[in-house]
Each structure stands twice: as structure tokens, then as C-alpha cells.
Amino acid sequence: AIMGARNPMNSWDRSDSLFWPGHMQIGGKDLDLMKRLVKSGTDHSKFMRFLPVVVDITAPLYWWSEYDTYKVGTVANSCSKMHKLTAKEFEIDDFSHEHLDVRIIKMLKDIVDTLNDYRSLYVNYNPNDFEIKGCPSKKLIWWQMIQLIPSSYNQKRTVMLNYAVLRSIYHARKNHKLDEWHDFCDWVETLPYSDLITMEKE
């Protein structure tokens, strides 16, 4: 990425960074060039797209729907609601609920209980157990869960990003009202040379 950043001016001989297996030391000249390119805008800082980041994120569905705005230069592999939703019993801590008041927590617990009732029917499904004709199909029982599950349900995804995408996300979301975005931006600040992401334009 650094050598590519030097391509436009054929200035590879000015690189002062060191690389050896599993390690790197970014030189002062290279870091200065990188910062100047970032300040010049996305057209000049294309090298940022060559700096990949792979991370596991567990977040509520309402956060993922906002995250999904950032499709360019990202890849995600999520835990499947389609295949693994019923792999274990639902628990209250499978959902983000830290801001809910007592009354809403009770409602969430009722939903969790209902989800577990339908999960039990789904996992132990046997159409002969139902006494009435036209009993619900296994798929119909599954629909009860998939359409009832709240947007506070936490899903894990492994995502592949790059520094350019992270820069876009960071500056768009660092002052967002959702706590999850603040947590995300705090994590971004822990990445190596994160100032390439967080620095403001001149």
C-alpha cells in the first residue's frame, strides 16, 4: 500500500519504511506522505483501500441496518438466522436492552418466552402430536419466530473493511445518537496508525 502510494510520483526510492515477516515499521517520510494524501481527499488517498481490516462484530439488528449503508469495499459473513436461529434457547441477553425501562423489559421477556415456546415446537416438531387437522407446518412455526424477533436481537458478523471505508464510517458516525456507533468509533481509534482514519481535513 505504501509503495503504491508512491507510484504517482515514482518516488519509491524515498520510502523509509521497513518490513519483515509479521512486522512493519512505517518510516517518518512515508507516514508524512500518507497523511498528506489523506488530507488531499479520497482521490489521492487510494492507498487506504489497500489496508484491510477483518473484525468480528456482535451488534443488534437495528445497528446492522445502518451499517449496511457501507457496502463499497466491505464483505460480511454473518451468523445465520435462517439456519441457526433455533440452535439454542433464546435468552434476554441475546438482545440489546440496556436502555429499556422496567415495563419494556417485561415485554421483551414475554417475547423471549414466546420465541422459546415456538422454538420448542419447531425443534421437537412432529405433526402427529397435534390433535387437530390442518396443524401448523414446521415452516409456519419458523415464520412465527423470524417475524417476531425484535430488531434488538444481537447478531455476530465477521466483516472485512479497509482504512478508506473506516474513514468514511468514522467521520459520518462519530457523533451519532446510537451508543453502538460510539463503541465502533472508539474501536477504530485503537487500530494501528488510526490517525490516518480519524484526522480531519486541513
Protein backbone atom coordinates (compact mmCIF):
# COMPACT_ATOMS: atom_id res chain seq x y z
CA ALA A 1 0.00 0.00 0.00
CA ILE A 2 2.82 2.39 0.88
CA MET A 3 4.79 1.66 -2.29
CA GLY A 4 1.59 2.05 -4.29
CA ALA A 5 1.04 5.44 -2.70
CA ARG A 6 4.42 6.42 -4.16
CA ASN A 7 3.52 5.25 -7.69
CA PRO A 8 2.12 8.59 -8.96
CA MET A 9 5.47 10.36 -8.44
CA ASN A 10 7.75 7.31 -8.98
CA SER A 11 9.22 8.09 -5.56
CA TRP A 12 9.78 4.52 -4.35
CA ASP A 13 13.43 5.28 -3.56
CA ARG A 14 12.29 7.78 -0.93
CA SER A 15 10.46 5.13 1.10
CA ASP A 16 11.94 4.78 4.59
CA SER A 17 9.69 2.02 5.96
CA LEU A 18 10.96 -1.42 6.99
CA PHE A 19 9.13 -4.72 6.51
CA TRP A 20 9.99 -8.22 7.66
CA PRO A 21 7.77 -11.28 8.21
CA GLY A 22 4.97 -10.43 10.59
CA HIS A 23 6.26 -6.93 11.31
CA MET A 24 6.44 -3.43 9.90
CA GLN A 25 7.94 -0.13 10.84
CA ILE A 26 6.48 2.82 8.99
CA GLY A 27 9.13 5.45 8.29
CA GLY A 28 8.63 9.14 9.01
CA LYS A 29 8.77 10.14 5.34
CA ASP A 30 6.23 7.52 4.33
CA LEU A 31 3.90 8.43 7.19
CA ASP A 32 4.13 12.11 6.28
CA LEU A 33 3.26 11.29 2.66
CA MET A 34 0.33 9.12 3.76
CA LYS A 35 -1.06 11.89 5.96
CA ARG A 36 -0.70 14.47 3.18
CA LEU A 37 -2.52 12.19 0.75
CA VAL A 38 -5.35 11.59 3.26
CA LYS A 39 -5.74 15.33 3.77
CA SER A 40 -5.93 15.77 -0.01
CA GLY A 41 -9.08 13.65 -0.21
CA THR A 42 -10.23 10.25 -1.39
CA ASP A 43 -8.92 10.70 -4.95
CA HIS A 44 -5.36 11.00 -3.63
CA SER A 45 -5.54 8.58 -0.71
CA LYS A 46 -6.39 5.43 -2.68
CA PHE A 47 -3.66 3.57 -0.75
CA MET A 48 -6.12 3.45 2.20
CA ARG A 49 -8.21 0.93 0.23
CA PHE A 50 -5.21 -1.44 0.32
CA LEU A 51 -5.16 -1.56 4.14
CA PRO A 52 -7.58 -4.38 5.06
CA VAL A 53 -9.22 -4.87 8.43
CA VAL A 54 -11.08 -8.05 9.42
CA VAL A 55 -13.08 -8.00 12.66
CA ASP A 56 -15.88 -9.82 14.47
CA ILE A 57 -18.77 -7.55 15.46
CA THR A 58 -21.77 -8.53 17.55
CA ALA A 59 -24.49 -5.90 17.33
CA PRO A 60 -28.28 -5.55 17.30
CA LEU A 61 -30.15 -5.80 14.01
CA TYR A 62 -31.12 -2.11 14.23
CA TRP A 63 -27.39 -1.23 14.16
CA TRP A 64 -26.66 -3.64 11.31
CA SER A 65 -29.34 -2.00 9.18
CA GLU A 66 -27.43 1.31 9.49
CA TYR A 67 -24.06 -0.37 8.97
CA ASP A 68 -25.34 -1.92 5.73
CA THR A 69 -25.22 1.56 4.17
CA TYR A 70 -21.47 0.99 3.80
CA LYS A 71 -21.31 -1.62 1.05
CA VAL A 72 -18.39 -0.39 -1.06
CA GLY A 73 -15.17 -2.17 -0.14
CA THR A 74 -16.73 -4.31 2.58
CA VAL A 75 -17.51 -8.01 2.91
CA ALA A 76 -19.51 -9.65 5.71
CA ASN A 77 -20.20 -13.21 6.81
CA SER A 78 -22.96 -13.35 9.40
CA CYS A 79 -24.31 -15.94 11.80
CA SER A 80 -27.39 -17.25 10.03
CA LYS A 81 -30.86 -16.53 11.35
CA MET A 82 -32.12 -18.76 8.55
CA HIS A 83 -30.21 -21.85 9.69
CA LYS A 84 -29.16 -21.32 13.31
CA LEU A 85 -31.93 -19.24 14.89
CA THR A 86 -33.19 -22.28 16.81
CA ALA A 87 -29.77 -23.73 17.72
CA LYS A 88 -30.20 -22.68 21.36
CA GLU A 89 -32.87 -21.27 23.63
CA PHE A 90 -33.38 -17.53 23.49
CA GLU A 91 -32.16 -15.51 26.48
CA ILE A 92 -32.73 -11.90 27.41
CA ASP A 93 -29.02 -11.21 26.88
CA ASP A 94 -29.34 -12.24 23.22
CA PHE A 95 -30.92 -8.80 22.83
CA SER A 96 -29.61 -5.28 23.43
CA HIS A 97 -31.72 -3.95 26.29
CA GLU A 98 -29.51 -1.66 28.38
CA HIS A 99 -31.77 1.40 27.83
CA LEU A 100 -35.14 -0.29 28.34
CA ASP A 101 -37.30 0.62 31.32
CA VAL A 102 -38.90 -1.98 33.62
CA ARG A 103 -42.17 -2.16 31.68
CA ILE A 104 -40.47 -2.71 28.33
CA ILE A 105 -38.07 -5.26 29.82
CA LYS A 106 -41.15 -7.26 30.90
CA MET A 107 -42.48 -7.09 27.34
CA LEU A 108 -39.13 -8.28 25.99
CA LYS A 109 -39.14 -11.18 28.46
CA ASP A 110 -42.62 -12.11 27.24
CA ILE A 111 -41.34 -12.07 23.66
CA VAL A 112 -38.36 -14.24 24.66
CA ASP A 113 -40.74 -16.71 26.33
CA THR A 114 -42.93 -16.78 23.23
CA LEU A 115 -39.91 -17.29 20.98
CA ASN A 116 -38.83 -20.19 23.18
CA ASP A 117 -42.31 -21.72 23.03
CA TYR A 118 -42.20 -21.66 19.24
CA ARG A 119 -38.59 -22.83 19.24
CA SER A 120 -39.62 -25.86 21.28
CA LEU A 121 -42.44 -26.62 18.84
CA TYR A 122 -40.01 -26.23 15.94
CA VAL A 123 -37.16 -28.32 17.38
CA ASN A 124 -39.48 -31.10 18.58
CA TYR A 125 -41.81 -30.93 15.60
CA ASN A 126 -43.99 -33.95 14.97
CA PRO A 127 -47.22 -33.34 13.02
CA ASN A 128 -48.78 -36.38 14.67
CA ASP A 129 -48.58 -34.68 18.09
CA PHE A 130 -51.26 -32.20 17.06
CA GLU A 131 -54.80 -33.33 17.66
CA ILE A 132 -56.47 -31.09 15.10
CA LYS A 133 -56.35 -31.49 11.36
CA GLY A 134 -54.55 -28.75 9.45
CA CYS A 135 -51.98 -28.23 12.20
CA PRO A 136 -49.28 -25.64 11.53
CA SER A 137 -46.42 -26.79 9.36
CA LYS A 138 -42.86 -26.68 10.66
CA LYS A 139 -42.19 -23.78 8.27
CA LEU A 140 -45.17 -21.85 9.64
CA ILE A 141 -43.82 -22.31 13.17
CA TRP A 142 -40.45 -20.98 11.97
CA TRP A 143 -42.21 -17.93 10.48
CA GLN A 144 -43.61 -17.11 13.92
CA MET A 145 -40.07 -16.70 15.24
CA ILE A 146 -38.46 -14.96 12.28
CA GLN A 147 -41.20 -12.32 12.07
CA LEU A 148 -41.50 -11.82 15.82
CA ILE A 149 -37.81 -11.39 16.62
CA PRO A 150 -37.13 -7.76 17.66
CA SER A 151 -34.56 -5.53 16.00
CA SER A 152 -32.65 -5.57 19.30
CA TYR A 153 -31.58 -9.17 18.57
CA ASN A 154 -27.77 -9.34 18.56
CA GLN A 155 -26.14 -10.90 15.52
CA LYS A 156 -22.46 -11.69 15.06
CA ARG A 157 -20.81 -10.93 11.73
CA THR A 158 -17.23 -11.19 10.59
CA VAL A 159 -16.62 -8.16 8.39
CA MET A 160 -13.80 -7.18 6.06
CA LEU A 161 -13.24 -3.46 5.75
CA ASN A 162 -10.37 -1.20 4.79
CA TYR A 163 -8.98 2.08 6.09
CA ALA A 164 -10.77 4.12 3.41
CA VAL A 165 -14.18 2.70 4.35
CA LEU A 166 -13.39 3.08 8.05
CA ARG A 167 -12.51 6.74 7.48
CA SER A 168 -15.86 7.31 5.80
CA ILE A 169 -17.74 5.49 8.57
CA TYR A 170 -15.82 7.15 11.39
CA HIS A 171 -16.45 10.72 10.27
CA ALA A 172 -20.10 10.04 9.39
CA ARG A 173 -20.95 8.24 12.65
CA LYS A 174 -18.67 9.52 15.43
CA ASN A 175 -21.38 11.87 16.75
CA HIS A 176 -24.32 9.54 16.13
CA LYS A 177 -27.05 9.10 18.75
CA LEU A 178 -26.61 5.30 18.94
CA ASP A 179 -24.15 4.13 21.59
CA GLU A 180 -23.09 1.30 19.29
CA TRP A 181 -21.59 3.78 16.83
CA HIS A 182 -19.58 5.38 19.65
CA ASP A 183 -18.29 1.92 20.62
CA PHE A 184 -17.40 1.27 16.99
CA CYS A 185 -15.57 4.59 16.62
CA ASP A 186 -13.72 4.01 19.90
CA TRP A 187 -12.53 0.67 18.48
CA VAL A 188 -11.42 2.36 15.24
CA GLU A 189 -9.21 4.67 17.31
CA THR A 190 -7.31 1.62 18.64
CA LEU A 191 -6.17 0.47 15.16
CA PRO A 192 -2.52 0.92 14.12
CA TYR A 193 -1.95 4.39 12.66
CA SER A 194 -5.61 5.20 13.32
CA ASP A 195 -4.90 8.89 12.86
CA LEU A 196 -4.95 8.18 9.10
CA ILE A 197 -8.64 7.36 9.67
CA THR A 198 -9.55 9.90 12.33
CA MET A 199 -7.61 13.00 11.21
CA GLU A 200 -9.62 15.94 9.94
CA LYS A 201 -9.03 17.53 6.57
CA GLU A 202 -6.97 20.72 6.53
